[in-house]
PDB file of all heavy atoms in Angstrom:
ATOM      1  N   ASP A   1      -2.038   4.542  -5.338  1.00  0.00           N
ATOM      2  CA  ASP A   1      -2.124   3.792  -6.695  1.00  0.00           C
ATOM      3  C   ASP A   1      -2.067   2.479  -6.481  1.00  0.00           C
ATOM      4  O   ASP A   1      -1.203   1.942  -5.846  1.00  0.00           O
ATOM      5  CB  ASP A   1      -0.954   4.279  -7.485  1.00  0.00           C
ATOM      6  CG  ASP A   1      -1.104   3.854  -8.983  1.00  0.00           C
ATOM      7  OD1 ASP A   1      -1.655   2.881  -9.211  1.00  0.00           O
ATOM      8  OD2 ASP A   1      -0.415   4.522  -9.860  1.00  0.00           O
ATOM      9  N   CYS A   2      -3.129   1.750  -6.687  1.00  0.00           N
ATOM     10  CA  CYS A   2      -3.334   0.331  -6.437  1.00  0.00           C
ATOM     11  C   CYS A   2      -3.099  -0.591  -7.620  1.00  0.00           C
ATOM     12  O   CYS A   2      -3.265  -1.805  -7.557  1.00  0.00           O
ATOM     13  CB  CYS A   2      -4.707  -0.102  -5.926  1.00  0.00           C
ATOM     14  SG  CYS A   2      -5.032   1.044  -4.477  1.00  0.00           S
ATOM     15  N   TYR A   3      -2.579  -0.062  -8.780  1.00  0.00           N
ATOM     16  CA  TYR A   3      -2.280  -0.737  -9.845  1.00  0.00           C
ATOM     17  C   TYR A   3      -0.805  -0.695 -10.249  1.00  0.00           C
ATOM     18  O   TYR A   3      -0.156   0.220  -9.782  1.00  0.00           O
ATOM     19  CB  TYR A   3      -3.134  -0.227 -11.165  1.00  0.00           C
ATOM     20  CG  TYR A   3      -4.546  -0.521 -10.973  1.00  0.00           C
ATOM     21  CD1 TYR A   3      -5.265   0.752 -10.632  1.00  0.00           C
ATOM     22  CD2 TYR A   3      -5.212  -1.680 -10.940  1.00  0.00           C
ATOM     23  CE1 TYR A   3      -6.744   0.599 -10.527  1.00  0.00           C
ATOM     24  CE2 TYR A   3      -6.531  -1.726 -10.884  1.00  0.00           C
ATOM     25  CZ  TYR A   3      -7.241  -0.650 -10.558  1.00  0.00           C
ATOM     26  OH  TYR A   3      -8.639  -0.775 -10.409  1.00  0.00           O
ATOM     27  N   GLY A   4      -0.321  -1.564 -10.911  1.00  0.00           N
ATOM     28  CA  GLY A   4       1.076  -1.470 -11.479  1.00  0.00           C
ATOM     29  C   GLY A   4       2.064  -2.522 -11.012  1.00  0.00           C
ATOM     30  O   GLY A   4       1.840  -3.257 -10.115  1.00  0.00           O
ATOM     31  N   THR A   5       3.089  -2.584 -11.799  1.00  0.00           N
ATOM     32  CA  THR A   5       4.157  -3.573 -11.698  1.00  0.00           C
ATOM     33  C   THR A   5       4.674  -3.589 -10.230  1.00  0.00           C
ATOM     34  O   THR A   5       4.981  -4.598  -9.597  1.00  0.00           O
ATOM     35  CB  THR A   5       5.326  -3.415 -12.581  1.00  0.00           C
ATOM     36  OG1 THR A   5       4.585  -3.372 -13.928  1.00  0.00           O
ATOM     37  CG2 THR A   5       6.262  -4.423 -12.567  1.00  0.00           C
ATOM     38  N   PRO A   6       5.080  -2.380  -9.577  1.00  0.00           N
ATOM     39  CA  PRO A   6       5.641  -2.449  -8.218  1.00  0.00           C
ATOM     40  C   PRO A   6       4.769  -3.240  -7.263  1.00  0.00           C
ATOM     41  O   PRO A   6       5.450  -4.033  -6.422  1.00  0.00           O
ATOM     42  CB  PRO A   6       5.606  -0.983  -7.804  1.00  0.00           C
ATOM     43  CG  PRO A   6       5.846  -0.219  -9.018  1.00  0.00           C
ATOM     44  CD  PRO A   6       4.829  -1.055 -10.088  1.00  0.00           C
ATOM     45  N   ILE A   7       3.532  -3.175  -7.302  1.00  0.00           N
ATOM     46  CA  ILE A   7       2.610  -3.871  -6.424  1.00  0.00           C
ATOM     47  C   ILE A   7       2.633  -5.486  -6.797  1.00  0.00           C
ATOM     48  O   ILE A   7       2.849  -6.243  -5.806  1.00  0.00           O
ATOM     49  CB  ILE A   7       1.206  -3.426  -6.566  1.00  0.00           C
ATOM     50  CG1 ILE A   7       1.182  -1.931  -5.985  1.00  0.00           C
ATOM     51  CG2 ILE A   7       0.278  -4.282  -5.634  1.00  0.00           C
ATOM     52  CD1 ILE A   7      -0.044  -1.147  -6.258  1.00  0.00           C
ATOM     53  N   SER A   8       2.631  -5.714  -8.021  1.00  0.00           N
ATOM     54  CA  SER A   8       2.793  -7.140  -8.516  1.00  0.00           C
ATOM     55  C   SER A   8       4.049  -7.740  -8.068  1.00  0.00           C
ATOM     56  O   SER A   8       4.132  -8.913  -7.569  1.00  0.00           O
ATOM     57  CB  SER A   8       2.570  -7.350  -9.953  1.00  0.00           C
ATOM     58  OG  SER A   8       1.337  -6.834 -10.384  1.00  0.00           O
ATOM     59  N   LEU A   9       5.217  -7.087  -8.183  1.00  0.00           N
ATOM     60  CA  LEU A   9       6.526  -7.630  -7.818  1.00  0.00           C
ATOM     61  C   LEU A   9       6.487  -7.839  -6.298  1.00  0.00           C
ATOM     62  O   LEU A   9       7.132  -8.819  -5.792  1.00  0.00           O
ATOM     63  CB  LEU A   9       7.584  -6.562  -8.253  1.00  0.00           C
ATOM     64  CG  LEU A   9       7.791  -6.460  -9.767  1.00  0.00           C
ATOM     65  CD1 LEU A   9       8.864  -5.353 -10.069  1.00  0.00           C
ATOM     66  CD2 LEU A   9       8.362  -7.720 -10.295  1.00  0.00           C
ATOM     67  N   ARG A  10       6.034  -6.827  -5.487  1.00  0.00           N
ATOM     68  CA  ARG A  10       6.013  -6.964  -4.133  1.00  0.00           C
ATOM     69  C   ARG A  10       5.211  -8.216  -3.604  1.00  0.00           C
ATOM     70  O   ARG A  10       5.631  -9.017  -2.790  1.00  0.00           O
ATOM     71  CB  ARG A  10       5.526  -5.676  -3.360  1.00  0.00           C
ATOM     72  CG  ARG A  10       5.616  -5.683  -1.871  1.00  0.00           C
ATOM     73  CD  ARG A  10       6.913  -5.697  -1.395  1.00  0.00           C
ATOM     74  NE  ARG A  10       7.098  -5.651  -0.004  1.00  0.00           N
ATOM     75  CZ  ARG A  10       7.604  -4.593   0.679  1.00  0.00           C
ATOM     76  NH1 ARG A  10       8.085  -3.572   0.066  1.00  0.00           N
ATOM     77  NH2 ARG A  10       7.726  -4.648   1.978  1.00  0.00           N
ATOM     78  N   ALA A  11       3.965  -8.306  -4.310  1.00  0.00           N
ATOM     79  CA  ALA A  11       3.048  -9.496  -3.933  1.00  0.00           C
ATOM     80  C   ALA A  11       3.814 -10.792  -4.222  1.00  0.00           C
ATOM     81  O   ALA A  11       3.698 -11.725  -3.423  1.00  0.00           O
ATOM     82  CB  ALA A  11       1.802  -9.327  -4.575  1.00  0.00           C
ATOM     83  N   LYS A  12       4.422 -10.846  -5.465  1.00  0.00           N
ATOM     84  CA  LYS A  12       5.015 -12.080  -5.799  1.00  0.00           C
ATOM     85  C   LYS A  12       6.265 -12.446  -4.836  1.00  0.00           C
ATOM     86  O   LYS A  12       6.425 -13.479  -4.434  1.00  0.00           O
ATOM     87  CB  LYS A  12       5.658 -11.844  -7.144  1.00  0.00           C
ATOM     88  CG  LYS A  12       6.344 -13.152  -7.762  1.00  0.00           C
ATOM     89  CD  LYS A  12       6.774 -12.908  -9.156  1.00  0.00           C
ATOM     90  CE  LYS A  12       7.508 -14.114  -9.724  1.00  0.00           C
ATOM     91  NZ  LYS A  12       7.934 -13.939 -11.084  1.00  0.00           N
ATOM     92  N   LYS A  13       7.049 -11.438  -4.469  1.00  0.00           N
ATOM     93  CA  LYS A  13       8.192 -11.525  -3.488  1.00  0.00           C
ATOM     94  C   LYS A  13       7.668 -12.093  -2.163  1.00  0.00           C
ATOM     95  O   LYS A  13       8.257 -12.956  -1.539  1.00  0.00           O
ATOM     96  CB  LYS A  13       8.927 -10.103  -3.416  1.00  0.00           C
ATOM     97  CG  LYS A  13      10.076 -10.219  -2.448  1.00  0.00           C
ATOM     98  CD  LYS A  13      10.584  -8.921  -2.392  1.00  0.00           C
ATOM     99  CE  LYS A  13      11.844  -8.857  -1.256  1.00  0.00           C
ATOM    100  NZ  LYS A  13      12.402  -7.553  -1.252  1.00  0.00           N
ATOM    101  N   GLU A  14       6.516 -11.663  -1.668  1.00  0.00           N
ATOM    102  CA  GLU A  14       6.008 -12.007  -0.399  1.00  0.00           C
ATOM    103  C   GLU A  14       4.994 -13.215  -0.539  1.00  0.00           C
ATOM    104  O   GLU A  14       4.658 -13.812   0.571  1.00  0.00           O
ATOM    105  CB  GLU A  14       5.245 -10.878   0.286  1.00  0.00           C
ATOM    106  CG  GLU A  14       6.229  -9.765   0.616  1.00  0.00           C
ATOM    107  CD  GLU A  14       5.543  -8.667   1.497  1.00  0.00           C
ATOM    108  OE1 GLU A  14       4.572  -8.973   2.125  1.00  0.00           O
ATOM    109  OE2 GLU A  14       5.993  -7.601   1.522  1.00  0.00           O
ATOM    110  N   GLY A  15       4.757 -13.678  -1.749  1.00  0.00           N
ATOM    111  CA  GLY A  15       3.962 -14.848  -1.849  1.00  0.00           C
ATOM    112  C   GLY A  15       2.458 -14.531  -1.432  1.00  0.00           C
ATOM    113  O   GLY A  15       1.769 -15.524  -0.950  1.00  0.00           O
ATOM    114  N   ILE A  16       1.981 -13.376  -1.634  1.00  0.00           N
ATOM    115  CA  ILE A  16       0.545 -13.039  -1.313  1.00  0.00           C
ATOM    116  C   ILE A  16      -0.123 -12.440  -2.472  1.00  0.00           C
ATOM    117  O   ILE A  16       0.550 -12.019  -3.474  1.00  0.00           O
ATOM    118  CB  ILE A  16       0.471 -12.172   0.032  1.00  0.00           C
ATOM    119  CG1 ILE A  16       1.231 -10.930  -0.115  1.00  0.00           C
ATOM    120  CG2 ILE A  16       1.041 -12.952   1.129  1.00  0.00           C
ATOM    121  CD1 ILE A  16       1.165  -9.957   1.189  1.00  0.00           C
ATOM    122  N   LYS A  17      -1.347 -12.056  -2.258  1.00  0.00           N
ATOM    123  CA  LYS A  17      -2.123 -11.354  -3.363  1.00  0.00           C
ATOM    124  C   LYS A  17      -1.746  -9.932  -3.343  1.00  0.00           C
ATOM    125  O   LYS A  17      -1.608  -9.227  -2.487  1.00  0.00           O
ATOM    126  CB  LYS A  17      -3.655 -11.627  -3.093  1.00  0.00           C
ATOM    127  CG  LYS A  17      -4.164 -12.934  -3.069  1.00  0.00           C
ATOM    128  CD  LYS A  17      -5.583 -12.930  -2.846  1.00  0.00           C
ATOM    129  CE  LYS A  17      -6.110 -14.444  -2.733  1.00  0.00           C
ATOM    130  NZ  LYS A  17      -7.511 -14.469  -2.200  1.00  0.00           N
ATOM    131  N   PRO A  18      -1.837  -9.382  -4.635  1.00  0.00           N
ATOM    132  CA  PRO A  18      -1.728  -7.912  -4.698  1.00  0.00           C
ATOM    133  C   PRO A  18      -2.600  -7.094  -3.870  1.00  0.00           C
ATOM    134  O   PRO A  18      -2.176  -6.055  -3.265  1.00  0.00           O
ATOM    135  CB  PRO A  18      -1.942  -7.521  -6.236  1.00  0.00           C
ATOM    136  CG  PRO A  18      -1.493  -8.912  -6.916  1.00  0.00           C
ATOM    137  CD  PRO A  18      -1.980  -9.998  -6.010  1.00  0.00           C
ATOM    138  N   ASP A  19      -3.852  -7.519  -3.687  1.00  0.00           N
ATOM    139  CA  ASP A  19      -4.734  -6.738  -2.878  1.00  0.00           C
ATOM    140  C   ASP A  19      -4.354  -6.697  -1.454  1.00  0.00           C
ATOM    141  O   ASP A  19      -4.613  -5.714  -0.755  1.00  0.00           O
ATOM    142  CB  ASP A  19      -6.208  -7.413  -2.937  1.00  0.00           C
ATOM    143  CG  ASP A  19      -6.961  -7.228  -4.211  1.00  0.00           C
ATOM    144  OD1 ASP A  19      -6.427  -6.408  -4.986  1.00  0.00           O
ATOM    145  OD2 ASP A  19      -7.973  -7.774  -4.421  1.00  0.00           O
ATOM    146  N   ASP A  20      -3.746  -7.664  -0.960  1.00  0.00           N
ATOM    147  CA  ASP A  20      -3.128  -7.782   0.454  1.00  0.00           C
ATOM    148  C   ASP A  20      -2.087  -6.681   0.581  1.00  0.00           C
ATOM    149  O   ASP A  20      -2.019  -6.023   1.685  1.00  0.00           O
ATOM    150  CB  ASP A  20      -2.528  -9.156   0.821  1.00  0.00           C
ATOM    151  CG  ASP A  20      -3.702 -10.172   0.830  1.00  0.00           C
ATOM    152  OD1 ASP A  20      -4.921  -9.817   1.155  1.00  0.00           O
ATOM    153  OD2 ASP A  20      -3.355 -11.332   0.666  1.00  0.00           O
ATOM    154  N   ILE A  21      -1.276  -6.551  -0.419  1.00  0.00           N
ATOM    155  CA  ILE A  21      -0.184  -5.631  -0.368  1.00  0.00           C
ATOM    156  C   ILE A  21      -0.787  -4.115  -0.378  1.00  0.00           C
ATOM    157  O   ILE A  21      -0.510  -3.290   0.380  1.00  0.00           O
ATOM    158  CB  ILE A  21       0.820  -5.617  -1.528  1.00  0.00           C
ATOM    159  CG1 ILE A  21       1.438  -6.914  -1.519  1.00  0.00           C
ATOM    160  CG2 ILE A  21       1.616  -4.518  -1.712  1.00  0.00           C
ATOM    161  CD1 ILE A  21       2.422  -7.114  -0.441  1.00  0.00           C
ATOM    162  N   VAL A  22      -1.709  -3.903  -1.231  1.00  0.00           N
ATOM    163  CA  VAL A  22      -2.449  -2.679  -1.417  1.00  0.00           C
ATOM    164  C   VAL A  22      -3.089  -2.155  -0.121  1.00  0.00           C
ATOM    165  O   VAL A  22      -2.905  -1.111   0.408  1.00  0.00           O
ATOM    166  CB  VAL A  22      -3.489  -2.730  -2.585  1.00  0.00           C
ATOM    167  CG1 VAL A  22      -4.512  -1.546  -2.478  1.00  0.00           C
ATOM    168  CG2 VAL A  22      -2.803  -2.711  -3.906  1.00  0.00           C
ATOM    169  N   ASN A  23      -3.884  -3.181   0.445  1.00  0.00           N
ATOM    170  CA  ASN A  23      -4.498  -2.869   1.742  1.00  0.00           C
ATOM    171  C   ASN A  23      -3.664  -2.461   2.859  1.00  0.00           C
ATOM    172  O   ASN A  23      -3.910  -1.539   3.625  1.00  0.00           O
ATOM    173  CB  ASN A  23      -5.544  -3.997   1.999  1.00  0.00           C
ATOM    174  CG  ASN A  23      -6.639  -4.093   1.110  1.00  0.00           C
ATOM    175  OD1 ASN A  23      -7.078  -3.109   0.449  1.00  0.00           O
ATOM    176  ND2 ASN A  23      -7.214  -5.291   0.907  1.00  0.00           N
ATOM    177  N   ARG A  24      -2.554  -3.303   2.994  1.00  0.00           N
ATOM    178  CA  ARG A  24      -1.512  -3.056   3.978  1.00  0.00           C
ATOM    179  C   ARG A  24      -0.963  -1.645   3.865  1.00  0.00           C
ATOM    180  O   ARG A  24      -0.864  -0.837   4.858  1.00  0.00           O
ATOM    181  CB  ARG A  24      -0.506  -4.041   3.955  1.00  0.00           C
ATOM    182  CG  ARG A  24       0.653  -3.765   5.032  1.00  0.00           C
ATOM    183  CD  ARG A  24       1.990  -4.629   4.773  1.00  0.00           C
ATOM    184  NE  ARG A  24       1.804  -5.895   4.370  1.00  0.00           N
ATOM    185  CZ  ARG A  24       2.649  -6.571   3.730  1.00  0.00           C
ATOM    186  NH1 ARG A  24       3.855  -6.048   3.385  1.00  0.00           N
ATOM    187  NH2 ARG A  24       2.436  -7.886   3.502  1.00  0.00           N
ATOM    188  N   TYR A  25      -0.462  -1.332   2.609  1.00  0.00           N
ATOM    189  CA  TYR A  25       0.317   0.019   2.525  1.00  0.00           C
ATOM    190  C   TYR A  25      -0.767   1.273   2.481  1.00  0.00           C
ATOM    191  O   TYR A  25      -0.361   2.339   2.857  1.00  0.00           O
ATOM    192  CB  TYR A  25       1.333   0.004   1.368  1.00  0.00           C
ATOM    193  CG  TYR A  25       2.380  -0.899   1.850  1.00  0.00           C
ATOM    194  CD1 TYR A  25       2.474  -2.152   1.171  1.00  0.00           C
ATOM    195  CD2 TYR A  25       3.314  -0.617   2.824  1.00  0.00           C
ATOM    196  CE1 TYR A  25       3.527  -3.070   1.646  1.00  0.00           C
ATOM    197  CE2 TYR A  25       4.356  -1.430   3.090  1.00  0.00           C
ATOM    198  CZ  TYR A  25       4.531  -2.645   2.680  1.00  0.00           C
ATOM    199  OH  TYR A  25       5.415  -3.463   3.042  1.00  0.00           O
ATOM    200  N   HIS A  26      -1.929   0.960   1.909  1.00  0.00           N
ATOM    201  CA  HIS A  26      -2.871   2.088   1.929  1.00  0.00           C
ATOM    202  C   HIS A  26      -3.188   2.409   3.318  1.00  0.00           C
ATOM    203  O   HIS A  26      -3.260   3.664   3.665  1.00  0.00           O
ATOM    204  CB  HIS A  26      -4.118   1.722   1.091  1.00  0.00           C
ATOM    205  CG  HIS A  26      -5.185   2.854   1.229  1.00  0.00           C
ATOM    206  ND1 HIS A  26      -5.113   3.922   0.547  1.00  0.00           N
ATOM    207  CD2 HIS A  26      -6.262   2.776   1.986  1.00  0.00           C
ATOM    208  CE1 HIS A  26      -6.160   4.709   0.798  1.00  0.00           C
ATOM    209  NE2 HIS A  26      -6.823   4.078   1.660  1.00  0.00           N
ATOM    210  N   SER A  27      -3.533   1.533   4.257  1.00  0.00           N
ATOM    211  CA  SER A  27      -3.744   1.822   5.679  1.00  0.00           C
ATOM    212  C   SER A  27      -2.540   2.490   6.230  1.00  0.00           C
ATOM    213  O   SER A  27      -2.835   3.457   7.020  1.00  0.00           O
ATOM    214  CB  SER A  27      -3.990   0.520   6.418  1.00  0.00           C
ATOM    215  OG  SER A  27      -5.226  -0.107   5.829  1.00  0.00           O
ATOM    216  N   GLU A  28      -1.471   2.031   5.934  1.00  0.00           N
ATOM    217  CA  GLU A  28      -0.112   2.663   6.501  1.00  0.00           C
ATOM    218  C   GLU A  28      -0.104   4.194   6.102  1.00  0.00           C
ATOM    219  O   GLU A  28       0.342   5.022   6.750  1.00  0.00           O
ATOM    220  CB  GLU A  28       0.992   1.943   6.111  1.00  0.00           C
ATOM    221  CG  GLU A  28       2.316   2.421   6.680  1.00  0.00           C
ATOM    222  CD  GLU A  28       3.565   1.569   6.297  1.00  0.00           C
ATOM    223  OE1 GLU A  28       3.528   0.404   6.542  1.00  0.00           O
ATOM    224  OE2 GLU A  28       4.441   2.120   5.662  1.00  0.00           O
ATOM    225  N   PHE A  29      -0.408   4.298   4.745  1.00  0.00           N
ATOM    226  CA  PHE A  29      -0.293   5.770   4.187  1.00  0.00           C
ATOM    227  C   PHE A  29      -1.271   6.574   4.767  1.00  0.00           C
ATOM    228  O   PHE A  29      -0.890   7.774   5.245  1.00  0.00           O
ATOM    229  CB  PHE A  29      -0.571   5.764   2.677  1.00  0.00           C
ATOM    230  CG  PHE A  29       0.448   5.065   1.834  1.00  0.00           C
ATOM    231  CD1 PHE A  29       0.184   4.883   0.486  1.00  0.00           C
ATOM    232  CD2 PHE A  29       1.595   4.383   2.314  1.00  0.00           C
ATOM    233  CE1 PHE A  29       1.212   4.298  -0.378  1.00  0.00           C
ATOM    234  CE2 PHE A  29       2.468   3.910   1.486  1.00  0.00           C
ATOM    235  CZ  PHE A  29       2.318   3.841   0.102  1.00  0.00           C
ATOM    236  N   VAL A  30      -2.450   6.207   5.054  1.00  0.00           N
ATOM    237  CA  VAL A  30      -3.580   6.910   5.686  1.00  0.00           C
ATOM    238  C   VAL A  30      -3.074   7.398   7.129  1.00  0.00           C
ATOM    239  O   VAL A  30      -3.315   8.558   7.509  1.00  0.00           O
ATOM    240  CB  VAL A  30      -4.885   6.215   5.744  1.00  0.00           C
ATOM    241  CG1 VAL A  30      -5.914   6.910   6.639  1.00  0.00           C
ATOM    242  CG2 VAL A  30      -5.420   6.112   4.270  1.00  0.00           C
ATOM    243  N   GLU A  31      -2.606   6.440   7.858  1.00  0.00           N
ATOM    244  CA  GLU A  31      -2.142   6.733   9.175  1.00  0.00           C
ATOM    245  C   GLU A  31      -0.989   7.794   9.132  1.00  0.00           C
ATOM    246  O   GLU A  31      -0.881   8.687  10.028  1.00  0.00           O
ATOM    247  CB  GLU A  31      -1.689   5.436   9.948  1.00  0.00           C
ATOM    248  CG  GLU A  31      -1.339   5.477  11.419  1.00  0.00           C
ATOM    249  CD  GLU A  31      -2.524   5.977  12.254  1.00  0.00           C
ATOM    250  OE1 GLU A  31      -3.754   5.826  11.895  1.00  0.00           O
ATOM    251  OE2 GLU A  31      -2.297   6.757  13.259  1.00  0.00           O
ATOM    252  N   CYS A  32       0.030   7.501   8.263  1.00  0.00           N
ATOM    253  CA  CYS A  32       1.144   8.406   8.240  1.00  0.00           C
ATOM    254  C   CYS A  32       0.618   9.787   7.876  1.00  0.00           C
ATOM    255  O   CYS A  32       1.129  10.811   8.556  1.00  0.00           O
ATOM    256  CB  CYS A  32       2.054   7.870   7.103  1.00  0.00           C
ATOM    257  SG  CYS A  32       3.540   8.933   6.856  1.00  0.00           S
ATOM    258  N   PHE A  33      -0.162   9.946   6.933  1.00  0.00           N
ATOM    259  CA  PHE A  33      -0.677  11.295   6.543  1.00  0.00           C
ATOM    260  C   PHE A  33      -1.461  12.036   7.743  1.00  0.00           C
ATOM    261  O   PHE A  33      -1.361  13.215   7.909  1.00  0.00           O
ATOM    262  CB  PHE A  33      -1.550  11.323   5.262  1.00  0.00           C
ATOM    263  CG  PHE A  33      -0.611  11.037   4.059  1.00  0.00           C
ATOM    264  CD1 PHE A  33      -1.101  10.068   3.195  1.00  0.00           C
ATOM    265  CD2 PHE A  33       0.477  11.750   3.834  1.00  0.00           C
ATOM    266  CE1 PHE A  33      -0.286   9.765   1.983  1.00  0.00           C
ATOM    267  CE2 PHE A  33       1.237  11.439   2.659  1.00  0.00           C
ATOM    268  CZ  PHE A  33       0.802  10.457   1.780  1.00  0.00           C
ATOM    269  N   LYS A  34      -2.134  11.208   8.453  1.00  0.00           N
ATOM    270  CA  LYS A  34      -2.816  11.656   9.626  1.00  0.00           C
ATOM    271  C   LYS A  34      -1.872  12.254  10.687  1.00  0.00           C
ATOM    272  O   LYS A  34      -2.201  13.271  11.241  1.00  0.00           O
ATOM    273  CB  LYS A  34      -3.718  10.506  10.227  1.00  0.00           C
ATOM    274  CG  LYS A  34      -4.625  10.869  11.303  1.00  0.00           C
ATOM    275  CD  LYS A  34      -5.556   9.538  11.739  1.00  0.00           C
ATOM    276  CE  LYS A  34      -6.399  10.054  13.013  1.00  0.00           C
ATOM    277  NZ  LYS A  34      -7.078   8.764  13.334  1.00  0.00           N
ATOM    278  N   LYS A  35      -0.900  11.419  11.026  1.00  0.00           N
ATOM    279  CA  LYS A  35       0.144  11.775  11.870  1.00  0.00           C
ATOM    280  C   LYS A  35       0.877  12.990  11.524  1.00  0.00           C
ATOM    281  O   LYS A  35       1.270  13.821  12.418  1.00  0.00           O
ATOM    282  CB  LYS A  35       1.088  10.605  12.255  1.00  0.00           C
ATOM    283  CG  LYS A  35       0.544   9.497  13.010  1.00  0.00           C
ATOM    284  CD  LYS A  35       1.492   8.412  13.235  1.00  0.00           C
ATOM    285  CE  LYS A  35       0.966   7.244  14.110  1.00  0.00           C
ATOM    286  NZ  LYS A  35       1.895   6.160  14.229  1.00  0.00           N
ATOM    287  N   LEU A  36       1.081  13.219  10.202  1.00  0.00           N
ATOM    288  CA  LEU A  36       1.927  14.307   9.683  1.00  0.00           C
ATOM    289  C   LEU A  36       0.993  15.440   9.584  1.00  0.00           C
ATOM    290  O   LEU A  36       1.454  16.584   9.314  1.00  0.00           O
ATOM    291  CB  LEU A  36       2.529  14.060   8.442  1.00  0.00           C
ATOM    292  CG  LEU A  36       3.678  13.003   8.420  1.00  0.00           C
ATOM    293  CD1 LEU A  36       4.085  12.702   7.070  1.00  0.00           C
ATOM    294  CD2 LEU A  36       4.790  13.660   9.195  1.00  0.00           C
ATOM    295  N   GLY A  37      -0.458  15.340   9.865  1.00  0.00           N
ATOM    296  CA  GLY A  37      -1.235  16.472   9.682  1.00  0.00           C
ATOM    297  C   GLY A  37      -1.636  16.938   8.300  1.00  0.00           C
ATOM    298  O   GLY A  37      -2.122  18.107   8.192  1.00  0.00           O
ATOM    299  N   PHE A  38      -1.473  16.165   7.280  1.00  0.00           N
ATOM    300  CA  PHE A  38      -1.917  16.466   5.933  1.00  0.00           C
ATOM    301  C   PHE A  38      -3.305  16.749   5.906  1.00  0.00           C
ATOM    302  O   PHE A  38      -4.224  16.238   6.670  1.00  0.00           O
ATOM    303  CB  PHE A  38      -1.614  15.357   5.002  1.00  0.00           C
ATOM    304  CG  PHE A  38      -0.254  15.435   4.316  1.00  0.00           C
ATOM    305  CD1 PHE A  38       0.920  15.180   5.235  1.00  0.00           C
ATOM    306  CD2 PHE A  38       0.048  15.618   2.950  1.00  0.00           C
ATOM    307  CE1 PHE A  38       2.215  15.301   4.704  1.00  0.00           C
ATOM    308  CE2 PHE A  38       1.280  15.708   2.555  1.00  0.00           C
ATOM    309  CZ  PHE A  38       2.407  15.599   3.292  1.00  0.00           C
ATOM    310  N   SER A  39      -3.734  17.700   5.092  1.00  0.00           N
ATOM    311  CA  SER A  39      -5.118  18.258   5.046  1.00  0.00           C
ATOM    312  C   SER A  39      -5.865  17.763   3.843  1.00  0.00           C
ATOM    313  O   SER A  39      -6.690  18.550   3.203  1.00  0.00           O
ATOM    314  CB  SER A  39      -5.111  19.754   5.145  1.00  0.00           C
ATOM    315  OG  SER A  39      -4.396  20.417   3.964  1.00  0.00           O
ATOM    316  N   TYR A  40      -5.828  16.561   3.411  1.00  0.00           N
ATOM    317  CA  TYR A  40      -6.518  16.088   2.291  1.00  0.00           C
ATOM    318  C   TYR A  40      -7.995  16.165   2.589  1.00  0.00           C
ATOM    319  O   TYR A  40      -8.338  15.830   3.597  1.00  0.00           O
ATOM    320  CB  TYR A  40      -6.126  14.576   2.048  1.00  0.00           C
ATOM    321  CG  TYR A  40      -4.685  14.334   1.402  1.00  0.00           C
ATOM    322  CD1 TYR A  40      -3.879  13.522   2.119  1.00  0.00           C
ATOM    323  CD2 TYR A  40      -4.363  14.766   0.254  1.00  0.00           C
ATOM    324  CE1 TYR A  40      -2.667  13.299   1.635  1.00  0.00           C
ATOM    325  CE2 TYR A  40      -3.083  14.469  -0.321  1.00  0.00           C
ATOM    326  CZ  TYR A  40      -2.264  13.763   0.475  1.00  0.00           C
ATOM    327  OH  TYR A  40      -0.972  13.526  -0.109  1.00  0.00           O
TER     328      TYR A  40
END
């Protein structure tokens, strides 16, 4: 989920754009699900 207040708050806290937060964590999620063997 790439929309919403939690992303805006994190971006504001880190002083970066919301898209940067989204891209960082989406990539992390994909890698995590791959390592755990999820079958999406």
